[in-house]
Amino acid sequence: MWELIVIVPVLAVVAFAIVHQLSVQVNEYRFYQSVDWDFSIDSKIDRLNIDERMFGYSLNLTNWQRFYLFRPFFIFILLFVLVMMIVSLF
């Protein structure tokens, strides 16, 4: 019983983080598409700076690296964690 009281909110938080990162990725896709894929312009869409908060220091990622490498990998990791959490319930 207590496990469900703890696990359900944690699952919800991880799912919300995935949805948030997916929405930021879509918004950045639309932004960079509208500026003809000029990655020298910062979209400032991701106000959380999740890469800096995750590592405690700036990774000095370019906008291109954040868009194509970091965020898709981060979404994949979150999905993997969510799936493993669900699998661990069974």
C-alpha atoms as a PDB file:
ATOM      1  CA  MET A   1       0.000   0.000   0.000  1.00  0.00           C
ATOM      2  CA  TRP A   2       2.702   2.469   0.985  1.00  0.00           C
ATOM      3  CA  GLU A   3       4.668   1.573  -2.131  1.00  0.00           C
ATOM      4  CA  LEU A   4       1.812   2.763  -4.333  1.00  0.00           C
ATOM      5  CA  ILE A   5       1.503   5.996  -2.383  1.00  0.00           C
ATOM      6  CA  VAL A   6       5.160   6.720  -3.141  1.00  0.00           C
ATOM      7  CA  ILE A   7       5.490   5.188  -6.602  1.00  0.00           C
ATOM      8  CA  VAL A   8       2.455   6.748  -8.291  1.00  0.00           C
ATOM      9  CA  PRO A   9       3.564  10.371  -7.706  1.00  0.00           C
ATOM     10  CA  VAL A  10       7.114   9.514  -8.759  1.00  0.00           C
ATOM     11  CA  LEU A  11       5.822   7.924 -11.967  1.00  0.00           C
ATOM     12  CA  ALA A  12       3.744  11.044 -12.574  1.00  0.00           C
ATOM     13  CA  VAL A  13       6.755  13.321 -12.078  1.00  0.00           C
ATOM     14  CA  VAL A  14       8.921  11.319 -14.482  1.00  0.00           C
ATOM     15  CA  ALA A  15       6.094  11.238 -17.033  1.00  0.00           C
ATOM     16  CA  PHE A  16       5.643  15.012 -16.658  1.00  0.00           C
ATOM     17  CA  ALA A  17       9.387  15.541 -17.193  1.00  0.00           C
ATOM     18  CA  ILE A  18       9.173  13.521 -20.418  1.00  0.00           C
ATOM     19  CA  VAL A  19       6.172  15.507 -21.647  1.00  0.00           C
ATOM     20  CA  HIS A  20       7.903  18.776 -20.770  1.00  0.00           C
ATOM     21  CA  GLN A  21      11.100  17.864 -22.618  1.00  0.00           C
ATOM     22  CA  LEU A  22       9.120  16.663 -25.637  1.00  0.00           C
ATOM     23  CA  SER A  23       7.160  19.930 -25.750  1.00  0.00           C
ATOM     24  CA  VAL A  24      10.379  21.953 -25.477  1.00  0.00           C
ATOM     25  CA  GLN A  25      11.906  19.899 -28.295  1.00  0.00           C
ATOM     26  CA  VAL A  26       8.864  20.493 -30.516  1.00  0.00           C
ATOM     27  CA  ASN A  27       8.858  24.224 -29.730  1.00  0.00           C
ATOM     28  CA  GLU A  28      12.571  24.483 -30.489  1.00  0.00           C
ATOM     29  CA  TYR A  29      12.047  22.551 -33.718  1.00  0.00           C
ATOM     30  CA  ARG A  30       9.413  25.084 -34.776  1.00  0.00           C
ATOM     31  CA  PHE A  31      11.645  27.987 -33.706  1.00  0.00           C
ATOM     32  CA  TYR A  32      14.727  26.810 -35.594  1.00  0.00           C
ATOM     33  CA  GLN A  33      12.622  25.915 -38.606  1.00  0.00           C
ATOM     34  CA  SER A  34      11.260  29.478 -38.630  1.00  0.00           C
ATOM     35  CA  VAL A  35      14.781  30.970 -38.575  1.00  0.00           C
ATOM     36  CA  ASP A  36      16.037  28.668 -41.368  1.00  0.00           C
ATOM     37  CA  TRP A  37      17.922  26.375 -38.971  1.00  0.00           C
ATOM     38  CA  ASP A  38      20.281  29.130 -37.795  1.00  0.00           C
ATOM     39  CA  PHE A  39      21.610  27.632 -34.551  1.00  0.00           C
ATOM     40  CA  SER A  40      23.580  30.749 -33.726  1.00  0.00           C
ATOM     41  CA  ILE A  41      20.319  32.191 -32.396  1.00  0.00           C
ATOM     42  CA  ASP A  42      19.328  30.953 -28.945  1.00  0.00           C
ATOM     43  CA  SER A  43      15.635  30.138 -28.729  1.00  0.00           C
ATOM     44  CA  LYS A  44      15.543  30.679 -24.928  1.00  0.00           C
ATOM     45  CA  ILE A  45      12.615  28.237 -24.867  1.00  0.00           C
ATOM     46  CA  ASP A  46      14.136  25.915 -22.291  1.00  0.00           C
ATOM     47  CA  ARG A  47      14.231  28.244 -19.300  1.00  0.00           C
ATOM     48  CA  LEU A  48      15.052  25.364 -16.952  1.00  0.00           C
ATOM     49  CA  ASN A  49      18.525  24.838 -18.445  1.00  0.00           C
ATOM     50  CA  ILE A  50      18.181  21.181 -17.585  1.00  0.00           C
ATOM     51  CA  ASP A  51      21.704  20.362 -18.756  1.00  0.00           C
ATOM     52  CA  GLU A  52      23.217  22.775 -16.222  1.00  0.00           C
ATOM     53  CA  ARG A  53      20.966  21.667 -13.379  1.00  0.00           C
ATOM     54  CA  MET A  54      21.675  18.012 -14.034  1.00  0.00           C
ATOM     55  CA  PHE A  55      25.440  18.358 -13.949  1.00  0.00           C
ATOM     56  CA  GLY A  56      25.873  21.299 -11.576  1.00  0.00           C
ATOM     57  CA  TYR A  57      27.980  23.223 -14.045  1.00  0.00           C
ATOM     58  CA  SER A  58      27.637  24.473 -17.569  1.00  0.00           C
ATOM     59  CA  LEU A  59      28.365  21.843 -20.212  1.00  0.00           C
ATOM     60  CA  ASN A  60      29.026  24.625 -22.760  1.00  0.00           C
ATOM     61  CA  LEU A  61      26.710  22.978 -25.236  1.00  0.00           C
ATOM     62  CA  THR A  62      25.958  24.821 -28.419  1.00  0.00           C
ATOM     63  CA  ASN A  63      22.346  25.196 -29.471  1.00  0.00           C
ATOM     64  CA  TRP A  64      22.918  22.558 -32.142  1.00  0.00           C
ATOM     65  CA  GLN A  65      24.318  20.071 -29.619  1.00  0.00           C
ATOM     66  CA  ARG A  66      21.477  20.708 -27.182  1.00  0.00           C
ATOM     67  CA  PHE A  67      18.848  20.278 -29.915  1.00  0.00           C
ATOM     68  CA  TYR A  68      20.231  17.215 -31.699  1.00  0.00           C
ATOM     69  CA  LEU A  69      22.227  15.390 -29.022  1.00  0.00           C
ATOM     70  CA  PHE A  70      21.509  16.309 -25.416  1.00  0.00           C
ATOM     71  CA  ARG A  71      17.732  16.650 -25.302  1.00  0.00           C
ATOM     72  CA  PRO A  72      16.905  13.517 -27.375  1.00  0.00           C
ATOM     73  CA  PHE A  73      19.334  11.512 -25.234  1.00  0.00           C
ATOM     74  CA  PHE A  74      17.810  12.979 -22.063  1.00  0.00           C
ATOM     75  CA  ILE A  75      14.295  12.082 -23.263  1.00  0.00           C
ATOM     76  CA  PHE A  76      15.503   8.551 -24.018  1.00  0.00           C
ATOM     77  CA  ILE A  77      16.995   8.235 -20.519  1.00  0.00           C
ATOM     78  CA  LEU A  78      13.772   9.461 -18.919  1.00  0.00           C
ATOM     79  CA  LEU A  79      11.731   6.994 -20.974  1.00  0.00           C
ATOM     80  CA  PHE A  80      14.082   4.192 -19.976  1.00  0.00           C
ATOM     81  CA  VAL A  81      13.749   5.134 -16.286  1.00  0.00           C
ATOM     82  CA  LEU A  82       9.952   5.266 -16.576  1.00  0.00           C
ATOM     83  CA  VAL A  83       9.787   1.873 -18.278  1.00  0.00           C
ATOM     84  CA  MET A  84      12.124   0.322 -15.701  1.00  0.00           C
ATOM     85  CA  MET A  85      10.019   1.766 -12.880  1.00  0.00           C
ATOM     86  CA  ILE A  86       6.869   0.274 -14.387  1.00  0.00           C
ATOM     87  CA  VAL A  87       8.572  -3.078 -15.008  1.00  0.00           C
ATOM     88  CA  SER A  88       9.812  -3.143 -11.407  1.00  0.00           C
ATOM     89  CA  LEU A  89       6.198  -2.998 -10.194  1.00  0.00           C
ATOM     90  CA  PHE A  90       5.494  -6.448 -11.656  1.00  0.00           C
END
